Amino acid sequence: MLEDNPLERTVVAIAHALFMNRLHVLRLTEVVRLGIKPDGADGDNFSLPDGLDSEMRQQSVDYVLTCLPEYAKAINEVKTNWLRPA
């Protein structure tokens, strides 16, 4: 379990950072590709279609698992939290 292994906790934290970075890059790519304009008055919110956003999340998890295959078990334990919409 993650609680027992400081190295595994550290790697999972790094994996989460990789996930967030990859998700950000994929979302920005789709915003540009689809020509999505900002939502709302603040102009800071770019919403992707629901199906596309969940696909970007899954692609980001797949990327992390490809980068850190030796920690796949630990990553699979926590990925459900990552895949949940914010």
C-alpha atoms as a PDB file:
ATOM      1  CA  MET A   1       0.000   0.000   0.000  1.00  0.00           C
ATOM      2  CA  LEU A   2       1.036   3.594  -0.577  1.00  0.00           C
ATOM      3  CA  GLU A   3       0.915   4.468   3.127  1.00  0.00           C
ATOM      4  CA  ASP A   4       3.731   2.014   3.874  1.00  0.00           C
ATOM      5  CA  ASN A   5       6.162   3.013   1.156  1.00  0.00           C
ATOM      6  CA  PRO A   6       7.551   6.585   1.013  1.00  0.00           C
ATOM      7  CA  LEU A   7       9.223   5.950  -2.352  1.00  0.00           C
ATOM      8  CA  GLU A   8       5.963   4.740  -3.870  1.00  0.00           C
ATOM      9  CA  ARG A   9       4.108   7.777  -2.461  1.00  0.00           C
ATOM     10  CA  THR A  10       6.727  10.045  -4.014  1.00  0.00           C
ATOM     11  CA  VAL A  11       6.507   8.329  -7.396  1.00  0.00           C
ATOM     12  CA  VAL A  12       2.706   8.531  -7.329  1.00  0.00           C
ATOM     13  CA  ALA A  13       2.954  12.263  -6.572  1.00  0.00           C
ATOM     14  CA  ILE A  14       5.321  12.680  -9.532  1.00  0.00           C
ATOM     15  CA  ALA A  15       2.944  10.585 -11.649  1.00  0.00           C
ATOM     16  CA  HIS A  16       0.063  12.875 -10.694  1.00  0.00           C
ATOM     17  CA  ALA A  17       2.123  15.891 -11.762  1.00  0.00           C
ATOM     18  CA  LEU A  18       2.859  14.162 -15.097  1.00  0.00           C
ATOM     19  CA  PHE A  19      -0.858  13.426 -15.458  1.00  0.00           C
ATOM     20  CA  MET A  20      -1.863  17.043 -14.825  1.00  0.00           C
ATOM     21  CA  ASN A  21       0.804  18.385 -17.174  1.00  0.00           C
ATOM     22  CA  ARG A  22      -0.167  15.992 -19.971  1.00  0.00           C
ATOM     23  CA  LEU A  23      -3.872  16.736 -19.482  1.00  0.00           C
ATOM     24  CA  HIS A  24      -3.183  20.468 -19.681  1.00  0.00           C
ATOM     25  CA  VAL A  25      -1.212  20.090 -22.924  1.00  0.00           C
ATOM     26  CA  LEU A  26      -3.886  17.853 -24.492  1.00  0.00           C
ATOM     27  CA  ARG A  27      -6.679  20.251 -23.500  1.00  0.00           C
ATOM     28  CA  LEU A  28      -4.820  23.265 -24.874  1.00  0.00           C
ATOM     29  CA  THR A  29      -4.170  21.400 -28.109  1.00  0.00           C
ATOM     30  CA  GLU A  30      -7.886  20.636 -28.489  1.00  0.00           C
ATOM     31  CA  VAL A  31      -8.900  24.205 -27.617  1.00  0.00           C
ATOM     32  CA  VAL A  32      -6.698  25.487 -30.431  1.00  0.00           C
ATOM     33  CA  ARG A  33      -7.629  22.706 -32.853  1.00  0.00           C
ATOM     34  CA  LEU A  34     -11.376  23.156 -32.317  1.00  0.00           C
ATOM     35  CA  GLY A  35     -11.213  26.942 -32.065  1.00  0.00           C
ATOM     36  CA  ILE A  36     -12.982  26.963 -28.693  1.00  0.00           C
ATOM     37  CA  LYS A  37     -13.662  30.439 -27.333  1.00  0.00           C
ATOM     38  CA  PRO A  38     -13.760  31.360 -23.614  1.00  0.00           C
ATOM     39  CA  ASP A  39     -16.960  30.827 -21.638  1.00  0.00           C
ATOM     40  CA  GLY A  40     -18.467  33.348 -19.264  1.00  0.00           C
ATOM     41  CA  ALA A  41     -17.648  36.900 -18.363  1.00  0.00           C
ATOM     42  CA  ASP A  42     -14.212  36.186 -16.885  1.00  0.00           C
ATOM     43  CA  GLY A  43     -12.877  34.827 -20.182  1.00  0.00           C
ATOM     44  CA  ASP A  44     -10.717  32.231 -18.441  1.00  0.00           C
ATOM     45  CA  ASN A  45     -12.839  29.109 -18.835  1.00  0.00           C
ATOM     46  CA  PHE A  46     -12.453  26.983 -21.974  1.00  0.00           C
ATOM     47  CA  SER A  47     -14.856  24.027 -21.865  1.00  0.00           C
ATOM     48  CA  LEU A  48     -14.298  20.927 -23.950  1.00  0.00           C
ATOM     49  CA  PRO A  49     -17.201  18.662 -24.845  1.00  0.00           C
ATOM     50  CA  ASP A  50     -17.758  16.056 -22.081  1.00  0.00           C
ATOM     51  CA  GLY A  51     -16.791  13.035 -24.170  1.00  0.00           C
ATOM     52  CA  LEU A  52     -13.618  14.697 -25.355  1.00  0.00           C
ATOM     53  CA  ASP A  53     -12.603  15.771 -21.861  1.00  0.00           C
ATOM     54  CA  SER A  54     -12.946  12.242 -20.482  1.00  0.00           C
ATOM     55  CA  GLU A  55     -10.932  10.934 -23.441  1.00  0.00           C
ATOM     56  CA  MET A  56      -8.162  13.460 -22.662  1.00  0.00           C
ATOM     57  CA  ARG A  57      -8.122  12.288 -19.026  1.00  0.00           C
ATOM     58  CA  GLN A  58      -7.797   8.650 -20.069  1.00  0.00           C
ATOM     59  CA  GLN A  59      -5.040   9.466 -22.559  1.00  0.00           C
ATOM     60  CA  SER A  60      -3.185  11.274 -19.785  1.00  0.00           C
ATOM     61  CA  VAL A  61      -3.406   8.223 -17.491  1.00  0.00           C
ATOM     62  CA  ASP A  62      -2.183   6.021 -20.333  1.00  0.00           C
ATOM     63  CA  TYR A  63       0.765   8.381 -20.834  1.00  0.00           C
ATOM     64  CA  VAL A  64       1.713   8.163 -17.147  1.00  0.00           C
ATOM     65  CA  LEU A  65       1.449   4.368 -17.174  1.00  0.00           C
ATOM     66  CA  THR A  66       3.714   4.303 -20.225  1.00  0.00           C
ATOM     67  CA  CYS A  67       6.277   6.507 -18.466  1.00  0.00           C
ATOM     68  CA  LEU A  68       6.216   4.583 -15.186  1.00  0.00           C
ATOM     69  CA  PRO A  69       5.254   0.969 -15.946  1.00  0.00           C
ATOM     70  CA  GLU A  70       7.013  -0.411 -12.866  1.00  0.00           C
ATOM     71  CA  TYR A  71       4.569   1.580 -10.688  1.00  0.00           C
ATOM     72  CA  ALA A  72       1.431   0.624 -12.621  1.00  0.00           C
ATOM     73  CA  LYS A  73      -0.141  -1.099  -9.629  1.00  0.00           C
ATOM     74  CA  ALA A  74       0.211   1.973  -7.400  1.00  0.00           C
ATOM     75  CA  ILE A  75      -0.965   4.308 -10.163  1.00  0.00           C
ATOM     76  CA  ASN A  76      -3.982   2.132 -10.901  1.00  0.00           C
ATOM     77  CA  GLU A  77      -4.931   2.346  -7.216  1.00  0.00           C
ATOM     78  CA  VAL A  78      -5.201   6.148  -7.339  1.00  0.00           C
ATOM     79  CA  LYS A  79      -6.180   6.860 -10.945  1.00  0.00           C
ATOM     80  CA  THR A  80      -9.922   6.851 -10.213  1.00  0.00           C
ATOM     81  CA  ASN A  81      -9.365  10.076  -8.271  1.00  0.00           C
ATOM     82  CA  TRP A  82      -7.570  11.544 -11.270  1.00  0.00           C
ATOM     83  CA  LEU A  83     -10.269  10.573 -13.752  1.00  0.00           C
ATOM     84  CA  ARG A  84     -13.049  12.238 -11.776  1.00  0.00           C
ATOM     85  CA  PRO A  85     -14.032  15.634 -13.260  1.00  0.00           C
ATOM     86  CA  ALA A  86     -12.940  18.569 -11.137  1.00  0.00           C
END
